[in-house]
Amino acid sequence: MTIKNWVLFLLLITIFGVGSCMAQTTTSTQPSKVDNTERILSDSTQLLQKDTVEKVRFKLIKSILDKKYPNPNRAAAMSLIIPGSGQIYNKKYWKLPIVYGALGGLGYLIVDSSSEYRSFRDAYTAVIDDDPNTINPFSTLGESSLLSIRDRFNKRRQQGYIFFALTWILNSLDAYVDAHLNSFDVSEDISMIVNPVGVQLGDSSGYGLSLRFTYQDNTHTQPPFIY
């Protein structure tokens, strides 16, 4: 092989090696660019979500602190923190016995069911553990009966927790709705008039009552609803 051929051979090897290195560099850097793009998009999405949550939270807190009366958001927040406080805020004091009666009754149900559940759970454990030192206080009840009663009190206890939470939430919802209703305009502009009327049905006739609901507005000359 001549010197010229050796030079061409080395040149080809060099070009091939450089091309391979560039291809590997491109291949290795491309996923990095994609990863960076995905990371930037993910960070941007998280920032937007966080910013949206912060705006909603700020608006909610601002609406609760608004001094207007009645304020439904404030009433709901008060009852959610302390049951019945929203009803006091709305000046509906007669609802307090209902709220505390429902929560108190459900609280007693939870405490009583939990106590009975633990008693029958321990009795059932004493029967099945084959330990002579543990005694079943309900000697007249067998294993299946203890298991059935234990599960019954456990189910009652769980239902008590669920209804207690629902009652707590409904107490807040009631305060929210009641505050909205307090802002409605209930005036004497709407009136009902009852008049006797004659009714003709075929060949027979009779009498009845006519109910008219009228809205007293100068722009209306006829009542909008007539029954």
Protein backbone atom coordinates (compact mmCIF):
# COMPACT_ATOMS: atom_id res chain seq x y z
CA MET A 1 0.00 0.00 0.00
CA THR A 2 1.40 3.37 -1.03
CA ILE A 3 1.67 6.43 1.18
CA LYS A 4 -1.20 8.05 -0.71
CA ASN A 5 -3.46 5.10 0.01
CA TRP A 6 -2.49 5.14 3.69
CA VAL A 7 -3.37 8.82 3.91
CA LEU A 8 -6.77 8.23 2.30
CA PHE A 9 -7.43 5.29 4.63
CA LEU A 10 -6.59 7.32 7.75
CA LEU A 11 -8.70 10.22 6.46
CA LEU A 12 -11.71 7.95 5.99
CA ILE A 13 -11.29 6.49 9.49
CA THR A 14 -11.04 9.99 10.98
CA ILE A 15 -14.17 11.20 9.16
CA PHE A 16 -16.10 8.10 10.19
CA GLY A 17 -14.98 8.46 13.81
CA VAL A 18 -15.94 12.15 13.96
CA GLY A 19 -19.33 11.40 12.41
CA SER A 20 -19.96 8.64 14.92
CA CYS A 21 -19.03 10.90 17.82
CA MET A 22 -21.33 13.66 16.56
CA ALA A 23 -24.20 11.20 16.14
CA GLN A 24 -23.69 9.88 19.66
CA THR A 25 -23.50 13.40 21.03
CA THR A 26 -26.72 14.36 19.25
CA THR A 27 -28.44 11.21 20.41
CA SER A 28 -27.30 11.68 23.98
CA THR A 29 -28.21 15.35 24.13
CA GLN A 30 -31.60 15.03 22.45
CA PRO A 31 -33.31 13.19 25.35
CA SER A 32 -31.78 15.73 27.71
CA LYS A 33 -33.46 18.55 25.77
CA VAL A 34 -36.75 16.65 25.78
CA ASP A 35 -36.44 15.99 29.50
CA ASN A 36 -35.70 19.64 30.15
CA THR A 37 -38.73 20.68 28.09
CA GLU A 38 -40.98 18.25 29.93
CA ARG A 39 -39.60 19.42 33.25
CA ILE A 40 -40.23 23.06 32.34
CA LEU A 41 -43.79 22.27 31.25
CA SER A 42 -44.40 20.29 34.44
CA ASP A 43 -43.04 23.09 36.60
CA SER A 44 -45.14 25.66 34.72
CA THR A 45 -48.28 23.57 35.17
CA GLN A 46 -47.62 23.16 38.88
CA LEU A 47 -47.03 26.89 39.24
CA LEU A 48 -50.29 27.67 37.41
CA GLN A 49 -52.22 25.20 39.56
CA LYS A 50 -50.67 26.60 42.72
CA ASP A 51 -51.43 30.14 41.61
CA THR A 52 -55.06 29.19 40.87
CA VAL A 53 -55.46 27.52 44.26
CA GLU A 54 -53.97 30.56 45.99
CA LYS A 55 -56.36 32.89 44.15
CA VAL A 56 -59.38 30.78 45.07
CA ARG A 57 -58.23 30.56 48.67
CA PHE A 58 -57.68 34.32 48.81
CA LYS A 59 -61.15 35.02 47.38
CA LEU A 60 -62.74 32.60 49.85
CA ILE A 61 -60.97 34.15 52.84
CA LYS A 62 -61.84 37.63 51.59
CA SER A 63 -65.51 36.69 51.22
CA ILE A 64 -65.56 35.22 54.74
CA LEU A 65 -64.03 38.38 56.22
CA ASP A 66 -66.46 40.62 54.35
CA LYS A 67 -68.41 42.69 56.89
CA LYS A 68 -71.67 42.69 54.98
CA TYR A 69 -74.66 41.12 56.71
CA PRO A 70 -75.85 38.51 56.17
CA ASN A 71 -72.70 36.89 54.79
CA PRO A 72 -73.43 33.27 53.71
CA ASN A 73 -69.75 32.30 53.51
CA ARG A 74 -69.09 33.57 57.02
CA ALA A 75 -72.14 31.78 58.38
CA ALA A 76 -71.06 28.51 56.76
CA ALA A 77 -67.47 28.85 58.00
CA MET A 78 -68.61 29.60 61.55
CA SER A 79 -70.89 26.57 61.69
CA LEU A 80 -68.21 24.39 60.15
CA ILE A 81 -65.79 25.36 62.93
CA ILE A 82 -68.29 25.49 65.82
CA PRO A 83 -71.68 23.85 65.13
CA GLY A 84 -74.55 26.23 65.78
CA SER A 85 -72.48 29.42 65.63
CA GLY A 86 -73.69 30.13 62.10
CA GLN A 87 -77.29 29.80 63.28
CA ILE A 88 -76.51 32.30 66.06
CA TYR A 89 -74.97 34.60 63.44
CA ASN A 90 -78.18 34.35 61.40
CA LYS A 91 -80.22 34.99 64.59
CA LYS A 92 -82.03 31.67 64.21
CA TYR A 93 -81.63 30.64 67.83
CA TRP A 94 -84.48 28.12 67.69
CA LYS A 95 -82.32 25.88 65.51
CA LEU A 96 -79.66 25.39 68.20
CA PRO A 97 -81.55 22.60 70.04
CA ILE A 98 -81.95 20.75 66.73
CA VAL A 99 -78.25 21.03 65.87
CA TYR A 100 -76.93 20.06 69.28
CA GLY A 101 -79.63 17.47 69.82
CA ALA A 102 -78.71 15.69 66.57
CA LEU A 103 -74.95 15.89 67.19
CA GLY A 104 -75.33 14.92 70.84
CA GLY A 105 -77.52 11.93 70.02
CA LEU A 106 -75.13 10.70 67.36
CA GLY A 107 -72.17 11.26 69.67
CA TYR A 108 -73.84 9.15 72.37
CA LEU A 109 -74.54 6.44 69.77
CA ILE A 110 -70.87 6.39 68.77
CA VAL A 111 -69.61 6.19 72.36
CA ASP A 112 -72.10 3.49 73.38
CA SER A 113 -71.55 1.40 70.24
CA SER A 114 -67.77 1.67 70.59
CA SER A 115 -67.95 0.49 74.20
CA GLU A 116 -70.17 -2.48 73.34
CA TYR A 117 -68.02 -3.32 70.34
CA ARG A 118 -64.87 -3.50 72.47
CA SER A 119 -66.62 -5.67 75.06
CA PHE A 120 -67.80 -8.25 72.54
CA ARG A 121 -64.54 -8.06 70.60
CA ASP A 122 -62.59 -8.95 73.74
CA ALA A 123 -65.07 -11.72 74.58
CA TYR A 124 -64.75 -13.19 71.10
CA THR A 125 -60.95 -13.02 71.33
CA ALA A 126 -61.08 -14.83 74.69
CA VAL A 127 -63.04 -17.67 73.09
CA ILE A 128 -60.81 -18.22 70.06
CA ASP A 129 -57.34 -17.62 71.54
CA ASP A 130 -57.25 -20.94 73.49
CA ASP A 131 -55.77 -19.12 76.48
CA PRO A 132 -57.20 -20.34 79.81
CA ASN A 133 -56.28 -17.03 81.46
CA THR A 134 -58.72 -15.06 79.30
CA ILE A 135 -62.37 -15.38 80.35
CA ASN A 136 -65.48 -14.79 78.29
CA PRO A 137 -67.79 -12.54 80.38
CA PHE A 138 -70.76 -13.62 78.25
CA SER A 139 -70.65 -17.29 79.12
CA THR A 140 -74.06 -18.01 77.61
CA LEU A 141 -72.97 -16.85 74.16
CA GLY A 142 -70.99 -18.99 71.80
CA GLU A 143 -68.35 -18.06 69.25
CA SER A 144 -70.77 -17.39 66.37
CA SER A 145 -73.11 -15.31 68.55
CA LEU A 146 -70.23 -13.19 69.87
CA LEU A 147 -68.95 -12.62 66.35
CA SER A 148 -72.39 -11.59 65.09
CA ILE A 149 -73.01 -9.17 67.97
CA ARG A 150 -69.50 -7.73 67.64
CA ASP A 151 -70.00 -7.03 63.94
CA ARG A 152 -73.42 -5.50 64.61
CA PHE A 153 -72.02 -2.97 67.10
CA ASN A 154 -69.08 -2.28 64.81
CA LYS A 155 -71.46 -1.49 61.94
CA ARG A 156 -73.56 0.74 64.19
CA ARG A 157 -70.43 2.56 65.33
CA GLN A 158 -69.29 3.19 61.74
CA GLN A 159 -72.75 4.41 60.76
CA GLY A 160 -72.66 6.77 63.73
CA TYR A 161 -69.40 8.29 62.51
CA ILE A 162 -70.82 8.76 59.00
CA PHE A 163 -74.08 10.38 60.16
CA PHE A 164 -72.21 12.56 62.66
CA ALA A 165 -70.01 13.94 59.86
CA LEU A 166 -73.02 14.44 57.58
CA THR A 167 -74.93 16.26 60.33
CA TRP A 168 -71.94 18.51 60.94
CA ILE A 169 -71.78 19.37 57.23
CA LEU A 170 -75.55 19.87 56.99
CA ASN A 171 -75.36 22.23 59.94
CA SER A 172 -72.90 24.37 57.95
CA LEU A 173 -75.00 24.09 54.78
CA ASP A 174 -78.12 25.16 56.68
CA ALA A 175 -76.36 28.29 57.95
CA TYR A 176 -75.18 29.08 54.40
CA VAL A 177 -78.65 28.72 52.85
CA ASP A 178 -80.33 30.55 55.72
CA ALA A 179 -78.01 33.53 55.28
CA HIS A 180 -78.92 33.62 51.57
CA LEU A 181 -82.62 33.52 52.34
CA ASN A 182 -82.24 36.38 54.82
CA SER A 183 -81.18 38.65 51.96
CA PHE A 184 -84.33 37.95 49.93
CA ASP A 185 -86.83 40.78 49.62
CA VAL A 186 -90.00 39.52 51.27
CA SER A 187 -92.38 42.48 51.12
CA GLU A 188 -96.11 43.06 51.02
CA ASP A 189 -96.08 43.67 47.27
CA ILE A 190 -97.36 40.13 46.70
CA SER A 191 -100.94 39.58 47.81
CA MET A 192 -103.53 36.82 47.50
CA ILE A 193 -107.20 37.48 46.88
CA VAL A 194 -109.84 34.80 47.46
CA ASN A 195 -113.21 35.20 45.73
CA PRO A 196 -116.16 32.85 45.22
CA VAL A 197 -116.85 31.94 41.59
CA GLY A 198 -119.51 30.04 39.70
CA VAL A 199 -118.50 26.94 37.75
CA GLN A 200 -120.50 25.60 34.78
CA LEU A 201 -119.84 21.94 33.94
CA GLY A 202 -122.05 20.85 31.07
CA ASP A 203 -125.68 20.93 32.26
CA SER A 204 -124.73 21.29 35.92
CA SER A 205 -123.37 24.25 37.82
CA GLY A 206 -121.55 24.73 41.09
CA TYR A 207 -119.51 27.09 43.16
CA GLY A 208 -115.82 27.29 43.95
CA LEU A 209 -113.06 29.60 45.09
CA SER A 210 -110.83 31.78 42.94
CA LEU A 211 -107.29 32.49 44.13
CA ARG A 212 -105.53 35.49 42.67
CA PHE A 213 -101.87 36.25 43.36
CA THR A 214 -101.06 39.82 42.41
CA TYR A 215 -97.82 41.74 42.36
CA GLN A 216 -98.51 45.35 43.23
CA ASP A 217 -96.52 47.18 40.59
CA ASN A 218 -97.65 50.35 38.82
CA THR A 219 -96.39 48.99 35.51
CA HIS A 220 -98.90 46.10 35.60
CA THR A 221 -102.63 46.68 35.26
CA GLN A 222 -103.53 42.97 35.40
CA PRO A 223 -102.43 40.40 37.96
CA PRO A 224 -99.76 38.09 36.52
CA PHE A 225 -101.18 34.91 38.07
CA ILE A 226 -104.86 33.97 38.25
CA TYR A 227 -106.11 30.57 39.45
